Amino acid sequence: MNNSIQLPRKLMLLGSGELGKEFVIAAQRLGNYVIAVDRYANAPAMQVADVSEVISMLSAEQLEAIVNRHKPDFIIPEIEAIRTEKLLEFEQRGITVIPTAAATNYTMNRDRIRELAHQELGIRTAKYAYAYTLQELTAASEHVGFPNVVKPVMSSSGKGQSVVQHQGEVESAWNYAIANSRGDTQRVIVEEFINFEIEITLLTVKQWNAPTIFCSPIGHRQERGDYQESWQPADIGEEKISQAQAIAKQITDALGGAGIFGVEFFITKDEVIFSELSPRPHDTGMVTLISQNLNEFELHLRAILGLPIANIKQLGCAASAVILAAKTSDIVAFTGVAEALSVPDVDIKLFGKPTAHPYRRMGVALAKGDSIVEARERAKRAASQVQMV
């Protein structure tokens, strides 16, 4: 145990959504001081942070101003749309960027992390190509083949993703990807459609001065490119778990730094195929709020601060299911919470987002069960009972 670590530390969170909120709660429980930053006021993490700032994180000048004002010990990105070259400047001044400024730059765009995995590390990925225009996407789709998946190189929570069955759907996929792209680039990726048995997230904890460790794999299901439910543990067999861990360690070693990484894989009958990576807590990992002795946010904090992680204990079959908005509203209120909490071994987390629009994630239902089937059924039933007024 490192007895030289001093608390509290000053943490600046860039992006203040529901994942950031849980991270701030974990940080506050160890007495840290947190500055929550986002592009809109009263974002979920701002509600529990010590102080908040509303800026455009694509503005180098605004990032410079808040860093100079608060002088954080750590800068912790939670979203993709950030002026990443400024993070390198901050790091050169002695501020720790999580996991590192270079790693953040790599992982903010799907093109860079895919090229690192496939071209530099020789890791199996889906066949892919890029496009800056509709015409380029049409040609790239023919090259990759149909069906394929089209998505922005920079987005959040799977937004802008389409499964394209034939050439007639390419234009609508292009329009949807561009409309949901984050940042200031109009570039999309088209990739081979993998006929997988299950899609998993392997939460990978990289530590400053201790070995890389892993959570039990998390299975998940998506719609519209966004996660709808997740469960832990995913039943994929020890051999495939070992393969996924080896790939995750290889990629995170190449990226460096410390913190939790959400490494996504397609699991087929015969292969473990790398999909994507997020250098932060993962939305599918919200199941760990009920499934582990240390949730992903507590693990991220401990890794960042260099605090020991004695063990990660998986507590049995557990699942999460999202609570989505069905309409656009500036007044957010819910019914059915009491009914949802009447389901055995269920918990509800409402994120406190100040506005809603169709399919926006407003909360999550968490459940335990004697089996994954039972846990998933309980989580979905509880989530369906919570409705916006």
Protein backbone atom coordinates (compact mmCIF):
# COMPACT_ATOMS: atom_id res chain seq x y z
CA MET A 1 0.00 0.00 0.00
CA ASN A 2 1.30 3.45 -0.96
CA ASN A 3 1.09 5.55 2.20
CA SER A 4 2.43 8.67 0.46
CA ILE A 5 -0.83 9.35 -1.44
CA GLN A 6 -2.55 12.43 -0.05
CA LEU A 7 -6.21 13.33 -0.29
CA PRO A 8 -8.16 15.36 -1.24
CA ARG A 9 -7.18 16.07 -4.84
CA LYS A 10 -8.71 18.54 -7.28
CA LEU A 11 -10.37 16.77 -10.23
CA MET A 12 -11.74 18.47 -13.35
CA LEU A 13 -14.34 16.41 -15.19
CA LEU A 14 -14.83 17.30 -18.87
CA GLY A 15 -18.34 16.09 -19.62
CA SER A 16 -20.94 15.85 -16.87
CA GLY A 17 -23.51 13.25 -17.88
CA GLU A 18 -24.82 10.30 -15.88
CA LEU A 19 -21.51 8.45 -15.95
CA GLY A 20 -19.76 11.55 -14.70
CA LYS A 21 -22.34 11.92 -11.93
CA GLU A 22 -21.56 8.48 -10.54
CA PHE A 23 -17.84 9.21 -10.80
CA VAL A 24 -18.27 12.46 -8.86
CA ILE A 25 -20.19 10.61 -6.14
CA ALA A 26 -17.30 8.13 -5.86
CA ALA A 27 -14.77 10.99 -5.73
CA GLN A 28 -16.74 12.90 -3.10
CA ARG A 29 -16.92 9.85 -0.86
CA LEU A 30 -13.13 10.06 -0.54
CA GLY A 31 -13.27 13.81 0.05
CA ASN A 32 -12.00 15.03 -3.31
CA TYR A 33 -12.84 18.41 -4.84
CA VAL A 34 -14.55 18.16 -8.25
CA ILE A 35 -15.13 20.74 -10.99
CA ALA A 36 -17.81 19.47 -13.38
CA VAL A 37 -17.70 20.93 -16.90
CA ASP A 38 -20.20 20.59 -19.74
CA ARG A 39 -21.81 22.50 -22.59
CA TYR A 40 -25.12 23.01 -20.74
CA ALA A 41 -26.09 24.02 -17.22
CA ASN A 42 -27.34 21.69 -14.49
CA ALA A 43 -25.94 18.57 -16.17
CA PRO A 44 -26.17 15.47 -13.94
CA ALA A 45 -22.60 15.56 -12.58
CA MET A 46 -22.88 19.27 -11.85
CA GLN A 47 -25.62 18.49 -9.34
CA VAL A 48 -23.17 16.68 -7.04
CA ALA A 49 -19.87 18.44 -7.83
CA ASP A 50 -18.27 21.21 -5.75
CA VAL A 51 -18.42 23.69 -8.61
CA SER A 52 -19.45 23.67 -12.26
CA GLU A 53 -18.52 25.43 -15.49
CA VAL A 54 -20.49 25.73 -18.73
CA ILE A 55 -18.25 26.02 -21.80
CA SER A 56 -17.73 24.67 -25.29
CA MET A 57 -15.06 22.02 -24.87
CA LEU A 58 -14.18 22.46 -28.54
CA SER A 59 -12.99 25.98 -27.66
CA ALA A 60 -9.28 26.04 -26.80
CA GLU A 61 -9.70 29.49 -25.24
CA GLN A 62 -12.52 28.44 -22.92
CA LEU A 63 -10.65 25.30 -21.84
CA GLU A 64 -7.58 27.41 -21.12
CA ALA A 65 -9.60 29.84 -19.04
CA ILE A 66 -11.18 27.26 -16.72
CA VAL A 67 -7.95 25.32 -16.25
CA ASN A 68 -6.14 28.54 -15.31
CA ARG A 69 -8.99 29.44 -12.95
CA HIS A 70 -9.22 26.13 -11.09
CA LYS A 71 -5.70 24.65 -11.46
CA PRO A 72 -6.78 20.97 -11.21
CA ASP A 73 -4.46 18.11 -10.33
CA PHE A 74 -6.24 15.81 -12.80
CA ILE A 75 -8.23 16.42 -15.98
CA ILE A 76 -10.66 13.57 -16.62
CA PRO A 77 -12.48 13.54 -19.99
CA GLU A 78 -15.93 11.91 -19.98
CA ILE A 79 -16.99 12.68 -23.57
CA GLU A 80 -15.43 12.64 -27.03
CA ALA A 81 -16.01 16.21 -28.24
CA ILE A 82 -13.01 17.96 -26.67
CA ARG A 83 -10.21 20.06 -28.18
CA THR A 84 -7.70 17.30 -27.49
CA GLU A 85 -4.58 19.21 -28.53
CA LYS A 86 -5.14 21.45 -25.50
CA LEU A 87 -4.98 18.39 -23.27
CA LEU A 88 -1.42 17.78 -24.48
CA GLU A 89 -0.53 21.35 -23.51
CA PHE A 90 -2.02 20.89 -20.04
CA GLU A 91 -0.13 17.63 -19.59
CA GLN A 92 3.13 19.32 -20.55
CA ARG A 93 2.46 21.85 -17.77
CA GLY A 94 2.33 19.05 -15.21
CA ILE A 95 -1.43 18.39 -15.01
CA THR A 96 -2.28 14.68 -15.20
CA VAL A 97 -4.69 13.92 -18.05
CA ILE A 98 -6.59 10.61 -17.75
CA PRO A 99 -5.56 8.18 -19.07
CA THR A 100 -3.01 10.37 -20.95
CA ALA A 101 -3.38 13.23 -23.42
CA ALA A 102 -2.13 11.02 -26.26
CA ALA A 103 -4.49 8.18 -25.34
CA THR A 104 -7.42 10.58 -25.16
CA ASN A 105 -6.55 11.91 -28.61
CA TYR A 106 -6.41 8.36 -29.99
CA THR A 107 -9.71 7.28 -28.51
CA MET A 108 -11.76 10.39 -29.21
CA ASN A 109 -12.04 9.21 -32.83
CA ARG A 110 -13.04 5.76 -34.01
CA ASP A 111 -10.58 5.98 -36.91
CA ARG A 112 -7.48 6.38 -34.76
CA ILE A 113 -8.24 3.62 -32.27
CA ARG A 114 -9.22 1.24 -35.09
CA GLU A 115 -5.97 1.94 -36.92
CA LEU A 116 -3.95 1.46 -33.72
CA ALA A 117 -5.56 -1.92 -33.13
CA HIS A 118 -5.56 -3.22 -36.69
CA GLN A 119 -2.59 -1.62 -38.41
CA GLU A 120 -0.10 -1.14 -35.58
CA LEU A 121 -0.95 -3.98 -33.19
CA GLY A 122 -2.23 -6.54 -35.70
CA ILE A 123 -5.46 -7.17 -33.80
CA ARG A 124 -8.47 -8.61 -35.63
CA THR A 125 -11.18 -6.01 -36.25
CA ALA A 126 -14.14 -5.77 -38.57
CA LYS A 127 -13.24 -4.76 -42.13
CA TYR A 128 -13.66 -0.97 -42.38
CA ALA A 129 -13.30 2.15 -44.54
CA TYR A 130 -13.82 5.91 -44.13
CA ALA A 131 -15.77 8.56 -46.02
CA TYR A 132 -15.92 12.36 -45.99
CA THR A 133 -18.75 12.61 -48.52
CA LEU A 134 -21.84 10.68 -49.54
CA GLN A 135 -20.08 9.70 -52.75
CA GLU A 136 -17.12 8.30 -50.80
CA LEU A 137 -19.49 6.42 -48.49
CA THR A 138 -21.26 4.88 -51.47
CA ALA A 139 -17.95 3.57 -52.82
CA ALA A 140 -16.73 2.47 -49.38
CA SER A 141 -19.97 0.55 -48.76
CA GLU A 142 -19.50 -1.36 -51.99
CA HIS A 143 -15.93 -2.17 -50.93
CA VAL A 144 -16.87 -3.37 -47.43
CA GLY A 145 -20.02 -5.15 -48.63
CA PHE A 146 -23.58 -5.41 -47.37
CA PRO A 147 -24.92 -5.50 -44.77
CA ASN A 148 -22.60 -3.03 -43.06
CA VAL A 149 -22.64 -0.56 -40.18
CA VAL A 150 -22.24 3.20 -40.71
CA LYS A 151 -21.44 5.59 -37.84
CA PRO A 152 -19.66 8.90 -37.17
CA VAL A 153 -15.99 8.67 -36.26
CA MET A 154 -16.85 10.87 -33.26
CA SER A 155 -20.11 10.53 -31.37
CA SER A 156 -21.44 9.54 -27.96
CA SER A 157 -23.40 6.49 -26.75
CA GLY A 158 -23.65 5.00 -30.24
CA LYS A 159 -25.59 7.94 -31.70
CA GLY A 160 -25.64 8.18 -35.48
CA GLN A 161 -25.16 4.46 -36.07
CA SER A 162 -27.11 2.56 -38.76
CA VAL A 163 -27.16 -0.97 -40.12
CA VAL A 164 -27.24 -0.65 -43.93
CA GLN A 165 -28.76 -3.60 -45.77
CA HIS A 166 -28.32 -2.39 -49.36
CA GLN A 167 -27.11 0.54 -51.48
CA GLY A 168 -30.51 2.25 -51.33
CA GLU A 169 -30.05 2.89 -47.60
CA VAL A 170 -26.61 4.52 -47.82
CA GLU A 171 -27.82 8.12 -48.20
CA SER A 172 -30.11 7.98 -45.16
CA ALA A 173 -27.27 6.37 -43.14
CA TRP A 174 -24.94 9.19 -44.20
CA ASN A 175 -27.46 11.87 -43.17
CA TYR A 176 -28.11 10.20 -39.81
CA ALA A 177 -24.39 9.83 -39.05
CA ILE A 178 -23.57 13.44 -39.90
CA ALA A 179 -26.55 14.76 -37.94
CA ASN A 180 -25.30 12.93 -34.83
CA SER A 181 -21.57 13.56 -35.22
CA ARG A 182 -19.73 15.28 -32.38
CA GLY A 183 -16.84 17.63 -32.92
CA ASP A 184 -15.98 19.64 -36.01
CA THR A 185 -15.29 16.90 -38.57
CA GLN A 186 -17.70 15.30 -41.03
CA ARG A 187 -16.21 11.86 -41.37
CA VAL A 188 -17.94 8.52 -41.06
CA ILE A 189 -16.73 4.95 -40.77
CA VAL A 190 -18.37 2.02 -42.52
CA GLU A 191 -17.53 -1.41 -41.18
CA GLU A 192 -18.29 -5.02 -41.86
CA PHE A 193 -21.40 -6.36 -40.16
CA ILE A 194 -20.29 -9.09 -37.76
CA ASN A 195 -22.81 -11.88 -37.17
CA PHE A 196 -21.92 -12.22 -33.49
CA GLU A 197 -23.35 -14.48 -30.81
CA ILE A 198 -22.94 -11.81 -28.13
CA GLU A 199 -21.42 -8.34 -27.80
CA ILE A 200 -19.46 -7.71 -24.60
CA THR A 201 -17.72 -4.96 -22.69
CA LEU A 202 -14.57 -5.96 -20.82
CA LEU A 203 -13.92 -3.32 -18.17
CA THR A 204 -10.13 -3.12 -17.99
CA VAL A 205 -8.46 -1.32 -15.08
CA LYS A 206 -4.99 0.01 -15.87
CA GLN A 207 -3.03 1.09 -12.80
CA TRP A 208 0.00 3.34 -12.41
CA ASN A 209 2.14 0.93 -10.39
CA ALA A 210 0.21 -2.33 -10.28
CA PRO A 211 -0.91 -4.97 -12.80
CA THR A 212 -3.82 -4.45 -15.18
CA ILE A 213 -6.94 -6.15 -13.81
CA PHE A 214 -10.35 -6.97 -15.30
CA CYS A 215 -13.99 -7.10 -14.34
CA SER A 216 -16.13 -10.06 -15.27
CA PRO A 217 -17.32 -9.58 -18.88
CA ILE A 218 -20.56 -7.68 -19.42
CA GLY A 219 -23.01 -8.70 -22.13
CA HIS A 220 -25.12 -6.01 -23.74
CA ARG A 221 -27.81 -5.38 -26.33
CA GLN A 222 -28.09 -2.28 -28.51
CA GLU A 223 -30.80 -0.52 -30.50
CA ARG A 224 -30.17 2.51 -32.75
CA GLY A 225 -26.50 2.12 -31.83
CA ASP A 226 -27.19 2.79 -28.15
CA TYR A 227 -27.17 0.30 -25.29
CA GLN A 228 -30.56 -0.85 -24.02
CA GLU A 229 -29.62 -3.48 -21.45
CA SER A 230 -26.51 -5.10 -20.02
CA TRP A 231 -25.83 -8.06 -17.79
CA GLN A 232 -22.96 -9.55 -15.82
CA PRO A 233 -21.45 -12.07 -16.02
CA ALA A 234 -21.62 -12.76 -19.76
CA ASP A 235 -21.38 -16.49 -20.46
CA ILE A 236 -18.63 -16.70 -23.08
CA GLY A 237 -16.30 -19.36 -21.68
CA GLU A 238 -12.89 -19.11 -20.06
CA GLU A 239 -10.90 -19.42 -23.31
CA LYS A 240 -12.64 -16.44 -24.92
CA ILE A 241 -12.39 -14.43 -21.70
CA SER A 242 -8.63 -15.03 -21.75
CA GLN A 243 -8.40 -13.97 -25.39
CA ALA A 244 -10.38 -10.79 -24.72
CA GLN A 245 -8.22 -9.96 -21.70
CA ALA A 246 -5.02 -10.42 -23.73
CA ILE A 247 -6.29 -8.10 -26.48
CA ALA A 248 -7.54 -5.50 -23.98
CA LYS A 249 -4.20 -5.49 -22.18
CA GLN A 250 -2.31 -5.16 -25.47
CA ILE A 251 -4.34 -2.12 -26.51
CA THR A 252 -4.38 -0.40 -23.13
CA ASP A 253 -0.63 -0.98 -22.71
CA ALA A 254 -0.14 0.81 -26.04
CA LEU A 255 -2.29 3.72 -24.86
CA GLY A 256 -0.68 4.01 -21.41
CA GLY A 257 -1.78 6.00 -18.40
CA ALA A 258 -4.23 4.81 -15.77
CA GLY A 259 -7.96 4.44 -15.29
CA ILE A 260 -10.74 2.18 -16.45
CA PHE A 261 -11.22 1.35 -20.13
CA GLY A 262 -14.42 -0.03 -21.62
CA VAL A 263 -13.14 -2.43 -24.28
CA GLU A 264 -15.88 -3.79 -26.55
CA PHE A 265 -15.75 -7.10 -28.43
CA PHE A 266 -17.87 -9.10 -30.82
CA ILE A 267 -17.91 -12.74 -29.73
CA THR A 268 -18.66 -15.17 -32.56
CA LYS A 269 -18.69 -18.95 -32.49
CA ASP A 270 -15.00 -19.03 -33.43
CA GLU A 271 -13.53 -15.57 -32.79
CA VAL A 272 -13.03 -12.72 -30.35
CA ILE A 273 -13.10 -9.54 -32.47
CA PHE A 274 -12.13 -6.12 -31.14
CA SER A 275 -14.86 -3.51 -31.73
CA GLU A 276 -14.27 -0.23 -29.86
CA LEU A 277 -12.69 1.27 -26.77
CA SER A 278 -13.63 4.07 -24.38
CA PRO A 279 -10.94 5.37 -21.98
CA ARG A 280 -13.45 5.92 -19.17
CA PRO A 281 -16.38 4.22 -17.44
CA HIS A 282 -18.72 2.64 -19.96
CA ASP A 283 -22.49 3.02 -20.16
CA THR A 284 -22.98 -0.76 -20.20
CA GLY A 285 -20.93 -0.86 -17.00
CA MET A 286 -23.70 0.84 -15.04
CA VAL A 287 -24.69 -2.72 -14.13
CA THR A 288 -21.67 -2.72 -11.79
CA LEU A 289 -23.61 -0.35 -9.51
CA ILE A 290 -25.38 -3.51 -8.34
CA SER A 291 -23.18 -6.38 -9.53
CA GLN A 292 -19.75 -5.76 -7.93
CA ASN A 293 -18.19 -4.88 -4.59
CA LEU A 294 -16.47 -1.95 -6.35
CA ASN A 295 -18.39 -0.37 -9.21
CA GLU A 296 -16.68 0.90 -12.35
CA PHE A 297 -16.66 4.50 -11.09
CA GLU A 298 -14.93 3.58 -7.83
CA LEU A 299 -12.41 1.51 -9.81
CA HIS A 300 -11.75 4.43 -12.16
CA LEU A 301 -11.16 6.76 -9.21
CA ARG A 302 -8.83 4.38 -7.40
CA ALA A 303 -6.78 3.76 -10.53
CA ILE A 304 -6.51 7.50 -11.23
CA LEU A 305 -5.41 8.34 -7.68
CA GLY A 306 -3.07 5.37 -7.39
CA LEU A 307 -5.08 3.83 -4.56
CA PRO A 308 -4.95 0.05 -4.08
CA ILE A 309 -7.61 -2.25 -5.50
CA ALA A 310 -7.41 -5.30 -3.28
CA ASN A 311 -9.96 -7.33 -5.23
CA ILE A 312 -12.91 -7.06 -7.60
CA LYS A 313 -15.70 -9.35 -6.50
CA GLN A 314 -18.62 -10.13 -8.81
CA LEU A 315 -21.72 -10.55 -6.64
CA GLY A 316 -23.85 -12.81 -8.83
CA CYS A 317 -26.29 -12.51 -11.70
CA ALA A 318 -27.23 -8.87 -12.36
CA ALA A 319 -28.62 -6.73 -15.15
CA SER A 320 -29.42 -3.16 -16.16
CA ALA A 321 -32.12 -1.77 -18.45
CA VAL A 322 -32.35 1.83 -19.63
CA ILE A 323 -35.22 4.21 -18.94
CA LEU A 324 -35.79 6.28 -22.07
CA ALA A 325 -37.72 9.49 -22.71
CA ALA A 326 -40.65 9.17 -25.11
CA LYS A 327 -41.12 12.89 -25.83
CA THR A 328 -39.46 16.28 -25.87
CA SER A 329 -39.97 18.23 -22.66
CA ASP A 330 -38.36 20.94 -20.53
CA ILE A 331 -40.16 19.57 -17.47
CA VAL A 332 -38.90 16.17 -16.38
CA ALA A 333 -41.04 14.14 -13.99
CA PHE A 334 -41.79 10.44 -13.65
CA THR A 335 -44.49 8.07 -12.53
CA GLY A 336 -44.17 4.38 -11.78
CA VAL A 337 -41.06 4.58 -9.60
CA ALA A 338 -42.81 3.01 -6.63
CA GLU A 339 -44.15 0.22 -8.82
CA ALA A 340 -40.68 -0.42 -10.26
CA LEU A 341 -39.13 -0.58 -6.80
CA SER A 342 -41.69 -3.16 -5.75
CA VAL A 343 -39.93 -5.68 -8.01
CA PRO A 344 -37.62 -7.82 -5.81
CA ASP A 345 -33.89 -6.98 -5.84
CA VAL A 346 -34.38 -3.89 -8.03
CA ASP A 347 -32.89 -0.40 -7.77
CA ILE A 348 -33.66 2.68 -9.88
CA LYS A 349 -31.25 5.48 -10.78
CA LEU A 350 -32.78 8.64 -12.29
CA PHE A 351 -30.07 10.85 -13.75
CA GLY A 352 -31.55 14.31 -13.18
CA LYS A 353 -31.24 15.51 -16.78
CA PRO A 354 -33.02 18.86 -17.03
CA THR A 355 -34.60 18.23 -20.46
CA ALA A 356 -35.81 15.25 -22.45
CA HIS A 357 -36.19 14.21 -26.07
CA PRO A 358 -37.25 10.90 -27.64
CA TYR A 359 -34.86 8.03 -26.81
CA ARG A 360 -32.75 10.14 -24.45
CA ARG A 361 -31.48 8.00 -21.58
CA MET A 362 -33.07 9.40 -18.41
CA GLY A 363 -32.36 6.62 -15.95
CA VAL A 364 -31.54 2.98 -15.47
CA ALA A 365 -33.10 0.04 -13.68
CA LEU A 366 -30.74 -2.38 -11.92
CA ALA A 367 -31.65 -5.87 -10.79
CA LYS A 368 -30.26 -9.05 -9.31
CA GLY A 369 -31.60 -12.56 -9.90
CA ASP A 370 -30.86 -16.23 -9.43
CA SER A 371 -30.01 -16.36 -13.14
CA ILE A 372 -29.14 -13.88 -15.87
CA VAL A 373 -32.55 -14.53 -17.43
CA GLU A 374 -34.29 -13.59 -14.18
CA ALA A 375 -32.10 -10.52 -13.61
CA ARG A 376 -32.71 -9.24 -17.15
CA GLU A 377 -36.44 -9.81 -16.87
CA ARG A 378 -36.61 -7.91 -13.56
CA ALA A 379 -34.54 -4.99 -14.88
CA LYS A 380 -36.63 -4.67 -18.06
CA ARG A 381 -39.91 -4.94 -16.14
CA ALA A 382 -38.83 -2.26 -13.67
CA ALA A 383 -37.59 0.06 -16.44
CA SER A 384 -40.86 -0.28 -18.35
CA GLN A 385 -42.84 0.85 -15.31
CA VAL A 386 -41.03 4.20 -15.02
CA GLN A 387 -42.68 6.69 -17.40
CA MET A 388 -42.26 10.40 -17.98
CA VAL A 389 -45.33 12.45 -17.08
